[in-house]
PDB file of N, CA and C in Angstrom:
ATOM      1  N   MET A   1      45.300  55.412-194.032  1.00  0.00           N
ATOM      2  CA  MET A   1      44.186  55.433-192.672  1.00  0.00           C
ATOM      3  C   MET A   1      45.134  56.342-191.755  1.00  0.00           C
ATOM      4  N   ILE A   2      46.372  55.789-191.506  1.00  0.00           N
ATOM      5  CA  ILE A   2      47.051  56.705-190.563  1.00  0.00           C
ATOM      6  C   ILE A   2      47.460  58.210-190.809  1.00  0.00           C
ATOM      7  N   ARG A   3      47.426  58.219-192.454  1.00  0.00           N
ATOM      8  CA  ARG A   3      47.591  59.411-193.014  1.00  0.00           C
ATOM      9  C   ARG A   3      46.557  60.596-192.290  1.00  0.00           C
ATOM     10  N   ARG A   4      45.460  60.274-192.231  1.00  0.00           N
ATOM     11  CA  ARG A   4      44.210  60.951-191.983  1.00  0.00           C
ATOM     12  C   ARG A   4      43.911  61.045-190.384  1.00  0.00           C
ATOM     13  N   ALA A   5      44.547  59.929-189.662  1.00  0.00           N
ATOM     14  CA  ALA A   5      44.389  59.673-187.991  1.00  0.00           C
ATOM     15  C   ALA A   5      45.403  60.486-187.352  1.00  0.00           C
ATOM     16  N   LEU A   6      46.311  60.712-187.806  1.00  0.00           N
ATOM     17  CA  LEU A   6      47.755  61.519-187.006  1.00  0.00           C
ATOM     18  C   LEU A   6      47.469  62.931-186.791  1.00  0.00           C
ATOM     19  N   PRO A   7      46.750  63.584-187.764  1.00  0.00           N
ATOM     20  CA  PRO A   7      46.641  65.063-187.887  1.00  0.00           C
ATOM     21  C   PRO A   7      45.551  65.398-186.301  1.00  0.00           C
ATOM     22  N   HIS A   8      44.711  64.364-186.609  1.00  0.00           N
ATOM     23  CA  HIS A   8      43.615  64.747-185.141  1.00  0.00           C
ATOM     24  C   HIS A   8      44.350  64.210-184.083  1.00  0.00           C
ATOM     25  N   LEU A   9      44.654  63.116-184.100  1.00  0.00           N
ATOM     26  CA  LEU A   9      45.602  62.579-182.618  1.00  0.00           C
ATOM     27  C   LEU A   9      46.587  63.609-181.891  1.00  0.00           C
ATOM     28  N   CYS A  10      47.260  64.922-183.121  1.00  0.00           N
ATOM     29  CA  CYS A  10      48.284  65.541-182.409  1.00  0.00           C
ATOM     30  C   CYS A  10      47.521  66.667-182.504  1.00  0.00           C
ATOM     31  N   LEU A  11      46.481  67.217-183.001  1.00  0.00           N
ATOM     32  CA  LEU A  11      45.296  68.161-182.362  1.00  0.00           C
ATOM     33  C   LEU A  11      44.974  67.790-181.104  1.00  0.00           C
ATOM     34  N   VAL A  12      44.367  66.578-180.661  1.00  0.00           N
ATOM     35  CA  VAL A  12      43.584  66.087-179.396  1.00  0.00           C
ATOM     36  C   VAL A  12      45.074  66.612-178.484  1.00  0.00           C
ATOM     37  N   GLY A  13      46.147  66.212-178.677  1.00  0.00           N
ATOM     38  CA  GLY A  13      47.093  65.985-177.760  1.00  0.00           C
ATOM     39  C   GLY A  13      47.855  67.427-177.325  1.00  0.00           C
ATOM     40  N   SER A  14      47.606  68.270-178.538  1.00  0.00           N
ATOM     41  CA  SER A  14      48.327  69.507-178.230  1.00  0.00           C
ATOM     42  C   SER A  14      47.428  70.111-177.930  1.00  0.00           C
ATOM     43  N   ILE A  15      45.978  70.104-177.537  1.00  0.00           N
ATOM     44  CA  ILE A  15      45.071  70.661-176.679  1.00  0.00           C
ATOM     45  C   ILE A  15      45.120  69.953-175.613  1.00  0.00           C
ATOM     46  N   MET A  16      45.430  69.198-175.007  1.00  0.00           N
ATOM     47  CA  MET A  16      45.378  68.479-173.759  1.00  0.00           C
ATOM     48  C   MET A  16      46.484  69.226-173.319  1.00  0.00           C
ATOM     49  N   MET A  17      47.750  69.288-174.022  1.00  0.00           N
ATOM     50  CA  MET A  17      49.323  70.117-173.263  1.00  0.00           C
ATOM     51  C   MET A  17      48.702  71.062-173.118  1.00  0.00           C
ATOM     52  N   LEU A  18      47.932  71.878-174.042  1.00  0.00           N
ATOM     53  CA  LEU A  18      47.698  73.326-173.886  1.00  0.00           C
ATOM     54  C   LEU A  18      46.983  73.464-172.313  1.00  0.00           C
ATOM     55  N   THR A  19      46.017  72.689-172.090  1.00  0.00           N
ATOM     56  CA  THR A  19      45.466  72.646-171.052  1.00  0.00           C
ATOM     57  C   THR A  19      46.174  72.510-169.636  1.00  0.00           C
ATOM     58  N   PHE A  20      46.923  71.477-169.998  1.00  0.00           N
ATOM     59  CA  PHE A  20      48.180  71.539-168.639  1.00  0.00           C
ATOM     60  C   PHE A  20      48.861  72.312-168.325  1.00  0.00           C
ATOM     61  N   ILE A  21      49.370  73.157-169.477  1.00  0.00           N
ATOM     62  CA  ILE A  21      50.086  74.113-169.097  1.00  0.00           C
ATOM     63  C   ILE A  21      49.572  75.211-168.576  1.00  0.00           C
ATOM     64  N   VAL A  22      48.294  75.634-168.874  1.00  0.00           N
ATOM     65  CA  VAL A  22      47.160  76.665-168.385  1.00  0.00           C
ATOM     66  C   VAL A  22      46.839  76.382-166.959  1.00  0.00           C
ATOM     67  N   ILE A  23      46.598  75.074-166.637  1.00  0.00           N
ATOM     68  CA  ILE A  23      46.192  74.501-165.410  1.00  0.00           C
ATOM     69  C   ILE A  23      47.297  74.506-164.279  1.00  0.00           C
ATOM     70  N   ASP A  24      48.847  73.988-164.689  1.00  0.00           N
ATOM     71  CA  ASP A  24      50.141  74.386-164.338  1.00  0.00           C
ATOM     72  C   ASP A  24      50.561  75.604-163.956  1.00  0.00           C
ATOM     73  N   PHE A  25      50.262  76.545-164.673  1.00  0.00           N
ATOM     74  CA  PHE A  25      50.029  78.546-164.521  1.00  0.00           C
ATOM     75  C   PHE A  25      49.619  78.596-163.550  1.00  0.00           C
ATOM     76  N   PHE A  26      48.120  78.534-163.601  1.00  0.00           N
ATOM     77  CA  PHE A  26      47.694  78.973-162.390  1.00  0.00           C
ATOM     78  C   PHE A  26      47.754  78.106-161.191  1.00  0.00           C
ATOM     79  N   ASN A  27      47.677  76.981-161.126  1.00  0.00           N
ATOM     80  CA  ASN A  27      47.710  75.816-159.802  1.00  0.00           C
ATOM     81  C   ASN A  27      49.506  75.245-160.023  1.00  0.00           C
ATOM     82  N   ARG A  28      50.111  76.015-159.452  1.00  0.00           N
ATOM     83  CA  ARG A  28      51.471  75.409-158.917  1.00  0.00           C
ATOM     84  C   ARG A  28      51.211  73.866-158.667  1.00  0.00           C
ATOM     85  N   ALA A  29      50.817  73.905-157.470  1.00  0.00           N
ATOM     86  CA  ALA A  29      50.336  72.748-156.567  1.00  0.00           C
ATOM     87  C   ALA A  29      50.104  71.305-157.169  1.00  0.00           C
ATOM     88  N   MET A  30      49.487  71.541-158.551  1.00  0.00           N
ATOM     89  CA  MET A  30      49.035  70.571-159.628  1.00  0.00           C
ATOM     90  C   MET A  30      50.488  69.925-160.082  1.00  0.00           C
ATOM     91  N   HIS A  31      51.280  70.470-160.309  1.00  0.00           N
ATOM     92  CA  HIS A  31      52.573  70.148-160.864  1.00  0.00           C
ATOM     93  C   HIS A  31      52.372  69.299-161.612  1.00  0.00           C
ATOM     94  N   PHE A  32      51.846  69.290-163.024  1.00  0.00           N
ATOM     95  CA  PHE A  32      51.899  68.927-164.113  1.00  0.00           C
ATOM     96  C   PHE A  32      53.230  68.556-164.719  1.00  0.00           C
ATOM     97  N   ILE A  33      53.980  69.940-164.838  1.00  0.00           N
ATOM     98  CA  ILE A  33      54.904  70.232-165.741  1.00  0.00           C
ATOM     99  C   ILE A  33      55.800  70.793-164.714  1.00  0.00           C
ATOM    100  N   GLY A  34      57.429  70.154-164.942  1.00  0.00           N
ATOM    101  CA  GLY A  34      58.135  70.541-164.238  1.00  0.00           C
ATOM    102  C   GLY A  34      58.595  71.976-163.830  1.00  0.00           C
ATOM    103  N   GLY A  35      59.621  72.206-163.122  1.00  0.00           N
ATOM    104  CA  GLY A  35      59.641  73.693-162.637  1.00  0.00           C
ATOM    105  C   GLY A  35      60.495  74.687-163.532  1.00  0.00           C
ATOM    106  N   ASN A  36      61.447  73.996-164.571  1.00  0.00           N
ATOM    107  CA  ASN A  36      61.992  74.512-165.255  1.00  0.00           C
ATOM    108  C   ASN A  36      61.593  75.626-166.126  1.00  0.00           C
ATOM    109  N   GLU A  37      61.686  76.847-166.392  1.00  0.00           N
ATOM    110  CA  GLU A  37      60.818  77.833-167.005  1.00  0.00           C
ATOM    111  C   GLU A  37      61.371  77.815-168.400  1.00  0.00           C
ATOM    112  N   VAL A  38      62.840  77.502-168.938  1.00  0.00           N
ATOM    113  CA  VAL A  38      62.705  77.226-170.407  1.00  0.00           C
ATOM    114  C   VAL A  38      62.464  76.254-170.876  1.00  0.00           C
ATOM    115  N   PHE A  39      62.328  74.876-170.292  1.00  0.00           N
ATOM    116  CA  PHE A  39      61.738  73.630-170.816  1.00  0.00           C
ATOM    117  C   PHE A  39      60.291  73.859-170.979  1.00  0.00           C
ATOM    118  N   ASN A  40      59.320  74.957-169.929  1.00  0.00           N
ATOM    119  CA  ASN A  40      58.184  75.120-170.245  1.00  0.00           C
ATOM    120  C   ASN A  40      58.070  76.252-171.356  1.00  0.00           C
ATOM    121  N   THR A  41      58.888  76.853-171.701  1.00  0.00           N
ATOM    122  CA  THR A  41      58.618  77.833-172.619  1.00  0.00           C
ATOM    123  C   THR A  41      58.947  76.989-174.189  1.00  0.00           C
ATOM    124  N   PHE A  42      59.628  76.234-174.131  1.00  0.00           N
ATOM    125  CA  PHE A  42      59.888  75.326-175.218  1.00  0.00           C
ATOM    126  C   PHE A  42      58.804  74.290-175.698  1.00  0.00           C
ATOM    127  N   LEU A  43      58.008  73.938-174.113  1.00  0.00           N
ATOM    128  CA  LEU A  43      57.157  73.055-174.407  1.00  0.00           C
ATOM    129  C   LEU A  43      55.878  73.936-174.675  1.00  0.00           C
ATOM    130  N   LEU A  44      55.864  74.845-174.435  1.00  0.00           N
ATOM    131  CA  LEU A  44      54.438  75.657-175.128  1.00  0.00           C
ATOM    132  C   LEU A  44      54.710  75.949-176.296  1.00  0.00           C
ATOM    133  N   ILE A  45      55.756  76.425-177.026  1.00  0.00           N
ATOM    134  CA  ILE A  45      55.972  76.831-178.396  1.00  0.00           C
ATOM    135  C   ILE A  45      55.898  75.727-179.307  1.00  0.00           C
ATOM    136  N   PHE A  46      56.509  74.529-178.877  1.00  0.00           N
ATOM    137  CA  PHE A  46      56.313  72.991-179.620  1.00  0.00           C
ATOM    138  C   PHE A  46      54.460  72.722-179.531  1.00  0.00           C
ATOM    139  N   THR A  47      54.223  73.083-178.543  1.00  0.00           N
ATOM    140  CA  THR A  47      52.869  72.579-178.689  1.00  0.00           C
ATOM    141  C   THR A  47      51.650  73.589-179.528  1.00  0.00           C
ATOM    142  N   LEU A  48      51.955  74.656-179.671  1.00  0.00           N
ATOM    143  CA  LEU A  48      51.239  75.532-180.406  1.00  0.00           C
ATOM    144  C   LEU A  48      51.684  75.650-181.976  1.00  0.00           C
ATOM    145  N   LEU A  49      52.805  74.959-182.623  1.00  0.00           N
ATOM    146  CA  LEU A  49      53.302  74.534-183.714  1.00  0.00           C
ATOM    147  C   LEU A  49      52.761  73.393-183.744  1.00  0.00           C
ATOM    148  N   VAL A  50      52.296  72.162-182.888  1.00  0.00           N
ATOM    149  CA  VAL A  50      51.938  71.286-183.574  1.00  0.00           C
ATOM    150  C   VAL A  50      50.290  71.548-183.290  1.00  0.00           C
ATOM    151  N   LEU A  51      50.131  72.273-182.954  1.00  0.00           N
ATOM    152  CA  LEU A  51      48.464  72.612-183.292  1.00  0.00           C
ATOM    153  C   LEU A  51      48.215  73.147-184.389  1.00  0.00           C
ATOM    154  N   VAL A  52      48.734  74.245-184.844  1.00  0.00           N
ATOM    155  CA  VAL A  52      48.745  75.042-186.401  1.00  0.00           C
ATOM    156  C   VAL A  52      48.984  74.121-187.032  1.00  0.00           C
ATOM    157  N   SER A  53      50.462  73.147-187.272  1.00  0.00           N
ATOM    158  CA  SER A  53      50.419  72.071-187.971  1.00  0.00           C
ATOM    159  C   SER A  53      49.324  70.959-188.156  1.00  0.00           C
ATOM    160  N   SER A  54      48.637  70.745-187.395  1.00  0.00           N
ATOM    161  CA  SER A  54      47.878  69.782-187.606  1.00  0.00           C
ATOM    162  C   SER A  54      46.720  70.243-188.239  1.00  0.00           C
ATOM    163  N   ILE A  55      46.212  71.345-187.598  1.00  0.00           N
ATOM    164  CA  ILE A  55      45.241  72.215-188.386  1.00  0.00           C
ATOM    165  C   ILE A  55      44.984  72.415-189.653  1.00  0.00           C
ATOM    166  N   TRP A  56      46.469  72.638-190.325  1.00  0.00           N
ATOM    167  CA  TRP A  56      46.455  73.100-191.353  1.00  0.00           C
ATOM    168  C   TRP A  56      47.111  71.763-192.362  1.00  0.00           C
ATOM    169  N   THR A  57      47.310  70.702-191.333  1.00  0.00           N
ATOM    170  CA  THR A  57      47.107  69.125-192.510  1.00  0.00           C
ATOM    171  C   THR A  57      45.690  68.709-192.663  1.00  0.00           C
ATOM    172  N   ILE A  58      44.637  68.762-191.582  1.00  0.00           N
ATOM    173  CA  ILE A  58      43.356  68.428-191.843  1.00  0.00           C
ATOM    174  C   ILE A  58      42.941  69.477-192.594  1.00  0.00           C
ATOM    175  N   CYS A  59      43.312  70.996-193.076  1.00  0.00           N
ATOM    176  CA  CYS A  59      42.312  71.482-194.134  1.00  0.00           C
ATOM    177  C   CYS A  59      42.865  71.306-195.338  1.00  0.00           C
ATOM    178  N   ASP A  60      44.305  71.009-195.530  1.00  0.00           N
ATOM    179  CA  ASP A  60      44.912  70.514-196.779  1.00  0.00           C
ATOM    180  C   ASP A  60      44.423  69.179-197.270  1.00  0.00           C
ATOM    181  N   HIS A  61      43.903  68.090-196.285  1.00  0.00           N
ATOM    182  CA  HIS A  61      43.574  66.976-196.415  1.00  0.00           C
ATOM    183  C   HIS A  61      41.943  67.032-197.074  1.00  0.00           C
ATOM    184  N   ARG A  62      41.530  67.718-196.361  1.00  0.00           N
ATOM    185  CA  ARG A  62      40.032  67.989-196.797  1.00  0.00           C
ATOM    186  C   ARG A  62      39.732  68.949-198.073  1.00  0.00           C
ATOM    187  N   ARG A  63      40.885  69.834-198.622  1.00  0.00           N
ATOM    188  CA  ARG A  63      40.851  70.532-199.600  1.00  0.00           C
ATOM    189  C   ARG A  63      41.111  69.645-200.722  1.00  0.00           C
ATOM    190  N   SER A  64      42.086  68.671-200.621  1.00  0.00           N
ATOM    191  CA  SER A  64      42.307  67.688-201.550  1.00  0.00           C
ATOM    192  C   SER A  64      41.089  66.591-202.070  1.00  0.00           C
ATOM    193  N   GLN A  65      40.279  66.011-200.786  1.00  0.00           N
ATOM    194  CA  GLN A  65      39.169  65.706-200.940  1.00  0.00           C
ATOM    195  C   GLN A  65      38.158  66.125-202.083  1.00  0.00           C
ATOM    196  N   ARG A  66      38.272  67.441-202.154  1.00  0.00           N
ATOM    197  CA  ARG A  66      37.071  67.736-202.791  1.00  0.00           C
ATOM    198  C   ARG A  66      37.176  67.777-204.102  1.00  0.00           C
TER     199      ARG A  66
END
């Protein structure tokens, strides 16, 4: 059960983080994420990697069920 739910939870979490990053980029007053640009860059890269990994895992699970 957790093997099927975890990629979906990671997908939702990464989309939420991308939303926060975009909002923080356009409106610094919201201050969702700290001001360190290096951290923000690594957070963006990590979020994109989690997004791709979760989509890949979901597709792999669906292919194996067929």
